[in-house]
Protein backbone atom coordinates (compact mmCIF):
# COMPACT_ATOMS: atom_id res chain seq x y z
CA MET A 1 -27.47 -92.35 -49.15
CA LYS A 2 -31.01 -93.67 -49.63
CA ASN A 3 -32.59 -97.11 -49.65
CA PHE A 4 -35.47 -97.25 -52.15
CA ILE A 5 -37.95 -100.10 -52.28
CA THR A 6 -41.45 -100.38 -53.77
CA LEU A 7 -44.29 -102.64 -52.79
CA CYS A 8 -47.37 -103.57 -54.79
CA GLY A 9 -50.39 -103.55 -52.50
CA LEU A 10 -52.12 -106.20 -54.59
CA ALA A 11 -49.52 -108.74 -53.63
CA VAL A 12 -51.79 -109.74 -51.34
CA GLY A 13 -39.70 -120.47 -40.50
CA GLN A 14 -37.68 -119.81 -38.12
CA SER A 15 -37.65 -116.66 -35.97
CA CYS A 16 -34.55 -115.48 -34.10
CA PHE A 17 -34.70 -112.52 -31.71
CA ALA A 18 -30.96 -112.61 -31.56
CA LEU A 19 -29.64 -110.02 -29.11
CA THR A 20 -30.95 -108.66 -25.81
CA PRO A 21 -30.94 -104.87 -25.27
CA LEU A 22 -29.18 -103.40 -22.25
CA GLY A 23 -30.86 -100.00 -22.17
CA GLU A 24 -29.67 -99.27 -18.65
CA HIS A 25 -26.61 -98.73 -16.51
CA LEU A 26 -23.99 -101.34 -17.29
CA ASP A 27 -20.26 -101.81 -16.89
CA ILE A 28 -17.69 -103.14 -19.30
CA GLN A 29 -15.94 -105.41 -16.82
CA PHE A 30 -12.45 -106.61 -17.69
CA THR A 31 -11.15 -109.24 -15.24
CA TYR A 32 -7.66 -110.71 -15.12
CA ASP A 33 -6.57 -114.19 -14.00
CA ARG A 34 -2.96 -114.03 -12.80
CA THR A 35 -2.61 -117.81 -12.68
CA GLY A 36 -3.49 -118.34 -16.31
CA ASP A 37 -2.45 -114.88 -17.53
CA LEU A 38 -5.90 -114.58 -19.12
CA TRP A 39 -8.45 -111.77 -19.45
CA THR A 40 -12.22 -112.01 -19.66
CA CYS A 41 -14.74 -109.27 -20.39
CA LYS A 42 -18.44 -109.24 -19.51
CA ALA A 43 -21.34 -106.81 -19.46
CA ARG A 44 -22.17 -106.26 -15.79
CA THR A 45 -25.64 -105.10 -14.75
CA THR A 46 -27.26 -105.12 -11.34
CA GLU A 47 -30.74 -106.50 -10.77
CA THR A 48 -32.18 -106.17 -7.26
CA GLY A 49 -28.68 -105.73 -5.90
CA VAL A 50 -27.30 -108.86 -7.58
CA ASP A 51 -24.63 -108.66 -10.26
CA VAL A 52 -25.62 -110.16 -13.61
CA LEU A 53 -22.82 -110.87 -16.08
CA SER A 54 -23.67 -111.19 -19.76
CA ASP A 55 -21.57 -112.17 -22.73
CA PHE A 56 -21.23 -109.22 -25.11
CA ARG A 57 -22.01 -111.63 -27.96
CA ASP A 58 -25.55 -111.92 -26.60
CA VAL A 59 -26.45 -108.28 -25.94
CA TYR A 60 -26.53 -104.88 -27.60
CA LEU A 61 -26.49 -101.33 -26.25
CA PRO A 62 -29.33 -99.17 -27.63
CA LEU A 63 -29.35 -95.41 -28.07
CA SER A 64 -32.47 -93.65 -29.34
CA ASP A 65 -32.90 -90.84 -31.84
CA LYS A 66 -34.75 -88.69 -29.32
CA LEU A 67 -33.29 -85.39 -28.10
CA TYR A 68 -31.23 -85.49 -24.94
CA ASN A 69 -33.06 -83.73 -22.11
CA PRO A 70 -31.36 -84.49 -18.77
CA PRO A 71 -33.88 -82.66 -16.53
CA THR A 72 -36.56 -85.16 -17.58
CA PRO A 73 -34.94 -88.60 -17.93
CA ALA A 74 -38.26 -90.26 -18.72
CA ASN A 75 -38.44 -88.27 -21.95
CA SER A 76 -34.74 -87.88 -22.63
CA GLY A 77 -32.99 -89.48 -25.57
CA ALA A 78 -29.42 -89.76 -26.82
CA ARG A 79 -29.25 -87.13 -29.57
CA ILE A 80 -27.51 -83.80 -29.06
CA PRO A 81 -26.32 -81.13 -31.50
CA GLN A 82 -22.58 -81.23 -32.04
CA PRO A 83 -21.11 -78.44 -29.83
CA ALA A 84 -19.83 -75.37 -31.63
CA SER A 85 -16.64 -75.31 -29.59
CA PRO A 86 -13.53 -76.35 -31.59
CA ALA A 87 -12.61 -78.49 -28.58
CA TYR A 88 -15.19 -81.03 -29.79
CA ALA A 89 -14.00 -81.21 -33.39
CA PHE A 90 -12.48 -84.62 -32.60
CA THR A 91 -15.90 -86.25 -33.18
CA GLY A 92 -15.63 -85.41 -36.89
CA ILE A 93 -19.12 -83.86 -36.86
CA GLU A 94 -19.91 -80.34 -38.04
CA PRO A 95 -21.25 -77.92 -35.38
CA GLY A 96 -25.00 -78.21 -34.97
CA GLU A 97 -25.23 -81.58 -36.74
CA PRO A 98 -26.62 -84.49 -34.71
CA LEU A 99 -24.38 -86.54 -32.45
CA TRP A 100 -25.66 -89.57 -30.54
CA LEU A 101 -24.31 -89.91 -27.04
CA ALA A 102 -24.16 -92.46 -24.25
CA VAL A 103 -23.58 -89.80 -21.64
CA GLN A 104 -21.19 -89.63 -18.72
CA ASN A 105 -23.85 -88.08 -16.49
CA THR A 106 -27.66 -88.37 -16.62
CA PRO A 107 -28.98 -90.74 -19.31
CA GLY A 108 -32.55 -91.09 -20.49
CA ILE A 109 -34.62 -94.05 -19.37
CA GLY A 110 -34.04 -96.93 -21.76
CA GLU A 111 -30.72 -95.54 -23.00
CA ALA A 112 -27.51 -97.53 -22.59
CA TRP A 113 -25.26 -96.00 -19.94
CA PRO A 114 -21.95 -97.87 -20.17
CA GLY A 115 -18.98 -97.47 -17.89
CA PHE A 116 -15.83 -99.40 -17.01
CA GLN A 117 -15.51 -101.50 -13.88
CA ASN A 118 -13.01 -103.83 -12.27
CA GLY A 119 -13.70 -105.30 -8.86
CA GLN A 120 -10.39 -107.02 -8.31
CA ASN A 121 -8.03 -106.45 -5.41
CA SER A 122 -5.45 -103.79 -6.24
CA ALA A 123 -2.69 -106.32 -5.52
CA THR A 124 -3.68 -108.15 -8.71
CA PHE A 125 -1.69 -105.61 -10.72
CA GLY A 126 1.49 -103.60 -10.41
CA GLN A 127 0.94 -100.03 -9.22
CA TYR A 128 2.66 -97.00 -10.71
CA VAL A 129 2.23 -93.26 -11.18
CA GLU A 130 0.55 -92.61 -14.55
CA THR A 131 1.53 -89.39 -16.36
CA ASP A 132 -1.03 -89.44 -19.18
CA THR A 133 -2.27 -85.83 -19.35
CA ARG A 134 -5.82 -86.91 -20.14
CA LEU A 135 -6.15 -87.99 -16.51
CA PRO A 136 -6.87 -85.40 -13.85
CA GLN A 137 -3.49 -83.99 -12.83
CA PRO A 138 -1.35 -84.21 -10.86
CA GLN A 139 -1.33 -87.99 -10.42
CA ASN A 140 0.64 -88.22 -7.20
CA ASN A 141 -0.28 -91.75 -6.10
CA ALA A 142 0.68 -95.05 -7.66
CA ARG A 143 -2.36 -96.98 -8.90
CA PRO A 144 -2.99 -100.36 -10.55
CA TRP A 145 -3.90 -99.03 -13.99
CA ILE A 146 -5.78 -101.05 -16.60
CA LYS A 147 -5.40 -99.95 -20.21
CA VAL A 148 -8.37 -100.53 -22.55
CA MET A 149 -7.41 -100.14 -26.20
CA LEU A 150 -9.60 -99.47 -29.24
CA LYS A 151 -8.55 -102.08 -31.79
CA SER A 152 -11.15 -101.81 -34.53
CA TYR A 153 -14.76 -101.03 -35.30
CA THR A 154 -17.22 -101.79 -38.06
CA TYR A 155 -20.33 -99.91 -39.10
CA GLN A 156 -23.51 -100.93 -40.88
CA GLY A 157 -25.79 -98.13 -41.99
CA THR A 158 -26.04 -95.32 -44.50
CA GLY A 159 -24.62 -92.48 -42.41
CA ILE A 160 -22.05 -90.17 -43.99
CA THR A 161 -19.93 -89.72 -40.85
CA PRO A 162 -20.08 -92.97 -38.84
CA THR A 163 -17.41 -91.96 -36.34
CA PHE A 164 -16.95 -93.36 -32.84
CA SER A 165 -15.42 -91.35 -29.98
CA LEU A 166 -14.86 -91.80 -26.26
CA TRP A 167 -14.04 -88.95 -23.91
CA THR A 168 -14.36 -87.61 -20.40
CA VAL A 169 -14.93 -84.03 -19.29
CA SER A 170 -12.76 -82.31 -16.69
CA ASN A 171 -13.12 -78.62 -15.78
CA ASN A 172 -15.55 -78.26 -18.72
CA THR A 173 -12.85 -79.47 -21.12
CA PRO A 174 -13.13 -82.72 -23.10
CA ARG A 175 -10.36 -85.24 -22.52
CA ILE A 176 -10.17 -87.25 -25.75
CA TRP A 177 -9.42 -90.93 -25.23
CA MET A 178 -10.56 -92.51 -28.48
CA THR A 179 -11.73 -91.19 -31.83
CA THR A 180 -12.00 -92.78 -35.26
CA ALA A 181 -12.36 -89.45 -37.09
CA ASP A 182 -8.61 -89.54 -37.80
CA GLY A 183 -8.24 -93.33 -37.89
CA ILE A 184 -7.27 -95.65 -35.03
CA GLY A 185 -3.81 -95.21 -33.53
CA SER A 186 -1.69 -96.06 -30.51
CA GLY A 187 -3.22 -93.19 -28.52
CA ASP A 188 -6.76 -94.57 -28.71
CA PHE A 189 -7.02 -96.10 -25.25
CA TYR A 190 -8.64 -95.46 -21.88
CA LEU A 191 -7.11 -95.83 -18.40
CA TYR A 192 -8.88 -96.76 -15.19
CA SER A 193 -7.63 -98.44 -12.04
CA ALA A 194 -8.39 -101.88 -10.65
CA GLY A 195 -11.12 -101.94 -8.03
CA SER A 196 -12.74 -98.83 -9.50
CA HIS A 197 -15.82 -97.85 -11.49
CA ALA A 198 -15.75 -94.99 -14.01
CA HIS A 199 -18.00 -93.54 -16.70
CA THR A 200 -17.14 -91.83 -19.97
CA ASN A 201 -18.99 -90.38 -22.95
CA PHE A 202 -19.48 -92.70 -25.94
CA GLY A 203 -20.28 -90.65 -29.07
CA PHE A 204 -21.51 -91.74 -32.50
CA GLY A 205 -21.65 -89.63 -35.66
CA ALA A 206 -24.47 -91.44 -37.45
CA MET A 207 -27.28 -93.87 -36.76
CA GLY A 208 -26.62 -97.52 -37.48
CA ILE A 209 -24.93 -100.63 -36.08
CA TYR A 210 -21.48 -100.13 -34.55
CA ARG A 211 -19.30 -103.07 -33.52
CA VAL A 212 -16.56 -101.63 -31.30
CA SER A 213 -13.69 -104.03 -30.50
CA LEU A 214 -11.64 -103.45 -27.35
CA ALA A 215 -8.69 -105.20 -25.70
CA ALA A 216 -7.09 -104.75 -22.28
CA THR A 217 -3.65 -104.98 -20.73
CA ALA A 218 -1.94 -104.01 -17.47
CA TYR A 219 1.25 -104.71 -15.48
CA ARG A 220 1.79 -107.56 -13.07
CA GLY A 221 4.45 -105.56 -11.25
CA PRO A 222 6.31 -104.67 -9.27
CA GLY A 223 5.39 -101.22 -10.53
CA GLN A 224 5.32 -100.70 -14.28
CA THR A 225 7.05 -104.03 -15.09
CA ASN A 226 6.05 -107.48 -16.31
CA PRO A 227 3.15 -106.64 -18.61
CA THR A 228 0.22 -109.00 -18.69
CA SER A 229 -0.78 -110.64 -21.92
CA GLU A 230 -3.06 -108.55 -24.07
CA SER A 231 -6.63 -109.75 -23.89
CA GLY A 232 -8.41 -111.06 -26.91
CA LEU A 233 -10.81 -108.78 -28.76
CA HIS A 234 -14.12 -108.12 -27.04
CA THR A 235 -16.69 -106.62 -29.38
CA ILE A 236 -19.53 -104.43 -28.11
CA THR A 237 -22.57 -103.87 -30.33
CA PHE A 238 -24.20 -100.43 -30.23
CA ALA A 239 -27.53 -99.94 -32.02
CA ILE A 240 -28.11 -96.24 -32.72
CA GLY A 241 -31.64 -95.30 -33.78
CA PRO A 242 -34.80 -97.36 -34.36
CA VAL A 243 -33.68 -99.12 -37.55
CA ALA A 244 -30.45 -100.33 -35.96
CA ARG A 245 -32.30 -101.47 -32.86
CA TRP A 246 -34.66 -103.50 -35.05
CA GLN A 247 -31.69 -105.10 -36.80
CA ALA A 248 -29.96 -105.95 -33.50
CA THR A 249 -33.17 -107.48 -32.17
CA HIS A 250 -33.58 -109.78 -35.16
CA PHE A 251 -30.03 -110.74 -36.13
CA ASN A 252 -27.15 -112.24 -34.19
CA ASN A 253 -23.59 -110.92 -34.05
CA THR A 254 -22.38 -112.91 -37.03
CA GLU A 255 -25.35 -111.80 -39.13
CA LEU A 256 -24.88 -108.16 -38.14
CA GLU A 257 -21.40 -108.33 -39.68
CA ASP A 258 -22.93 -109.40 -43.01
CA PRO A 259 -25.13 -106.80 -44.80
CA SER A 260 -26.21 -109.49 -47.25
CA ILE A 261 -28.17 -110.96 -44.32
CA SER A 262 -28.99 -108.08 -41.97
CA GLY A 263 -28.76 -105.10 -44.32
CA LEU A 264 -31.92 -103.24 -45.25
CA ALA A 265 -31.72 -104.39 -48.87
CA ALA A 266 -31.25 -108.06 -47.92
CA ASP A 267 -33.94 -110.75 -47.98
CA PRO A 268 -32.63 -113.50 -45.66
CA ASP A 269 -35.89 -115.48 -45.57
CA SER A 270 -36.30 -115.34 -49.39
CA ASP A 271 -39.94 -114.24 -49.19
CA GLY A 272 -39.51 -111.43 -51.71
CA MET A 273 -39.60 -108.81 -48.93
CA GLU A 274 -36.40 -106.92 -48.30
CA ASN A 275 -35.56 -106.14 -44.69
CA LEU A 276 -36.56 -102.50 -45.02
CA LEU A 277 -40.11 -103.57 -45.87
CA GLU A 278 -40.16 -106.11 -43.04
CA TYR A 279 -39.16 -103.27 -40.70
CA ALA A 280 -41.61 -100.79 -42.22
CA PHE A 281 -44.69 -103.03 -41.87
CA GLY A 282 -43.87 -105.02 -38.72
CA LEU A 283 -42.90 -108.37 -40.23
CA ASP A 284 -40.40 -111.01 -39.16
CA PRO A 285 -37.32 -110.95 -41.45
CA LYS A 286 -36.55 -114.59 -40.67
CA SER A 287 -39.98 -116.06 -41.35
CA GLY A 288 -40.87 -116.53 -44.99
CA ASP A 289 -44.63 -116.48 -44.50
CA GLN A 290 -44.95 -112.66 -44.21
CA THR A 291 -46.81 -113.03 -40.92
CA PRO A 292 -46.96 -109.75 -38.94
CA LEU A 293 -45.37 -109.60 -35.51
CA ALA A 294 -48.59 -108.24 -33.96
CA SER A 295 -52.24 -107.90 -34.83
CA GLY A 296 -52.72 -104.59 -36.64
CA LEU A 297 -49.38 -104.73 -38.42
CA GLY A 298 -48.73 -106.27 -41.82
CA LEU A 299 -48.70 -105.55 -45.53
CA PRO A 300 -50.84 -102.80 -47.11
CA VAL A 301 -54.37 -103.75 -48.10
CA PHE A 302 -55.68 -102.41 -51.44
CA SER A 303 -59.38 -101.88 -52.04
CA THR A 304 -61.90 -99.76 -53.90
CA LYS A 305 -64.49 -97.67 -52.08
CA SER A 306 -67.70 -95.96 -53.08
CA GLU A 307 -68.83 -93.03 -50.95
CA GLY A 308 -71.28 -90.24 -51.75
CA GLY A 309 -71.44 -91.22 -55.38
CA SER A 310 -67.64 -91.08 -55.79
CA LEU A 311 -65.20 -93.93 -56.29
CA TYR A 312 -61.80 -94.25 -54.59
CA GLN A 313 -58.83 -96.54 -54.65
CA GLN A 314 -57.58 -97.04 -51.08
CA LEU A 315 -54.52 -98.41 -49.29
CA ASP A 316 -54.67 -99.22 -45.58
CA TYR A 317 -51.39 -99.91 -43.79
CA PRO A 318 -49.48 -99.44 -40.52
CA ARG A 319 -46.82 -96.73 -40.43
CA ARG A 320 -44.00 -96.10 -37.97
CA ARG A 321 -44.48 -92.73 -36.31
CA ALA A 322 -42.04 -90.01 -37.37
CA GLY A 323 -42.08 -88.16 -34.04
CA ASP A 324 -38.95 -86.02 -33.73
CA LEU A 325 -36.70 -88.56 -35.45
CA THR A 326 -33.99 -86.99 -37.58
CA LYS A 327 -34.45 -89.61 -40.31
CA PRO A 328 -37.95 -91.11 -40.10
CA THR A 329 -39.00 -93.85 -42.46
CA SER A 330 -40.81 -92.38 -45.47
CA TYR A 331 -44.01 -93.99 -46.79
CA THR A 332 -45.64 -92.90 -50.08
CA ALA A 333 -48.94 -94.44 -51.18
CA GLU A 334 -49.24 -94.67 -54.98
CA PHE A 335 -51.95 -95.87 -57.36
CA SER A 336 -52.27 -96.88 -61.00
CA ASP A 337 -55.10 -97.96 -63.26
CA LEU A 338 -55.04 -100.97 -65.58
CA LYS A 339 -54.27 -98.96 -68.71
CA SER A 340 -51.32 -96.82 -67.66
CA SER A 341 -47.89 -97.59 -66.27
CA ALA A 342 -47.75 -94.22 -64.50
CA TRP A 343 -48.14 -94.12 -60.72
CA GLN A 344 -50.05 -91.35 -58.97
CA THR A 345 -49.70 -90.40 -55.32
CA ALA A 346 -52.65 -90.45 -52.97
CA THR A 347 -54.88 -87.39 -53.03
CA THR A 348 -56.04 -87.74 -49.41
CA GLU A 349 -54.65 -89.40 -46.30
CA SER A 350 -56.14 -90.00 -42.88
CA VAL A 351 -54.20 -91.09 -39.80
CA ALA A 352 -55.63 -92.70 -36.67
CA ASP A 353 -54.53 -94.42 -33.48
CA PHE A 354 -55.04 -98.11 -32.92
CA THR A 355 -57.87 -99.01 -30.58
CA GLY A 356 -58.90 -101.91 -28.36
CA ASP A 357 -56.44 -104.74 -27.97
CA GLN A 358 -54.18 -103.11 -30.58
CA ALA A 359 -53.71 -99.88 -28.57
CA SER A 360 -50.32 -101.04 -27.31
CA LEU A 361 -48.96 -100.36 -30.81
CA ASN A 362 -49.55 -96.61 -30.55
CA PRO A 363 -46.19 -95.48 -29.08
CA ILE A 364 -44.49 -96.64 -32.29
CA TRP A 365 -47.19 -97.19 -34.90
CA GLU A 366 -50.16 -95.36 -36.46
CA LYS A 367 -52.92 -96.45 -38.88
CA VAL A 368 -52.97 -94.85 -42.33
CA SER A 369 -55.72 -94.83 -44.96
CA ALA A 370 -54.57 -93.28 -48.26
CA ARG A 371 -56.98 -92.62 -51.13
CA ARG A 372 -56.99 -91.61 -54.77
CA ALA A 373 -60.20 -90.36 -56.30
CA ILE A 374 -61.15 -92.20 -59.49
CA PRO A 375 -62.15 -89.77 -62.27
CA PRO A 376 -65.66 -90.22 -63.73
CA GLY A 377 -65.76 -92.83 -66.46
CA GLN A 378 -62.51 -94.51 -65.33
CA GLU A 379 -62.51 -98.11 -64.17
CA ALA A 380 -62.15 -98.61 -60.43
CA ALA A 381 -59.84 -101.60 -60.80
CA GLY A 382 -56.12 -100.93 -60.62
CA PHE A 383 -52.99 -101.34 -58.57
CA GLY A 384 -51.74 -99.87 -55.35
CA ARG A 385 -48.35 -99.82 -53.68
CA VAL A 386 -46.55 -98.14 -50.80
CA ARG A 387 -43.07 -96.86 -51.58
CA VAL A 388 -40.74 -97.01 -48.57
CA GLU A 389 -37.53 -95.05 -48.20
CA GLN A 390 -35.02 -94.85 -45.36
CA THR A 391 -32.15 -92.40 -45.08
CA GLU A 392 -29.62 -92.14 -42.26
């Protein structure tokens, strides 16, 4: 699926950076209150040895579209090729196709690394011997098990296979806990014990915004008796790839559920610029004045140039770097004269880094100058536009 938007280069509020990224080690921390028979769930991170608990409504978990390279975490991303082994078919992805992964082992710097944690005394829950074969066997000791269930998930994006999966690996074999490739059923849950900390693999079949809703339950005891209440739904937002991260940074949880606000074809600030264009040129989607987010970004500038006796139409604009992204944003500079409705693509293009106080843009952005030579005898005046496309 493709989003297609055009922009005429002659066309010559309120800002909300809604969610905070947790591109680091974090724990999904379910906690149970026996007195009130109530569950809570927070995102737990550790800063300078101090636990920080965040509401999942205020944060998102980013995963990049860079290749996973565990020997060099500074340069490692979250994308891997789907393994060829049939044991991994549960992800719903064809062998060799990209799969985005919050890994169980060594993540890249800036990648979300979620696990499950519960710091409560084991006496909070009833203890019993769990026979689920996805756990390392044999399970000889009674433990205070907590059951985390996948209840629902939503997806915003244009991916063909937006599946979500959660698994562990034991003896080089995947233990499948959750997968949406075959729908969501009673077997889509994960077990860990109170007072413990455990990591799993979180896998995603396409880039985009995922809203994964979980609930927890356990037993009050003795043993496997007197179940607790089931917790309410706790929704975790994952932003896979640069477009999704941009959306999560600019829209809150409610808005991310509504593509008419946060979707790439939406125009929430009614400035005539759809979100894809705001993303492509570094604008604020919630400010109707088309002001760029940084000096050096902004809408294309159209001009005519005369060099060496030749005339040119020219478009100057910022462009997001393609790098090794699987689905980079596509920019096409096009020109037209005053007498024809046909658009012609640029005949030459030069790319440069930003300099001076704009150099901090270079990891993500580059400067583009696109030209079309004006044939002899043709008027220099005309129109210019940059066509932007995004596929996922």
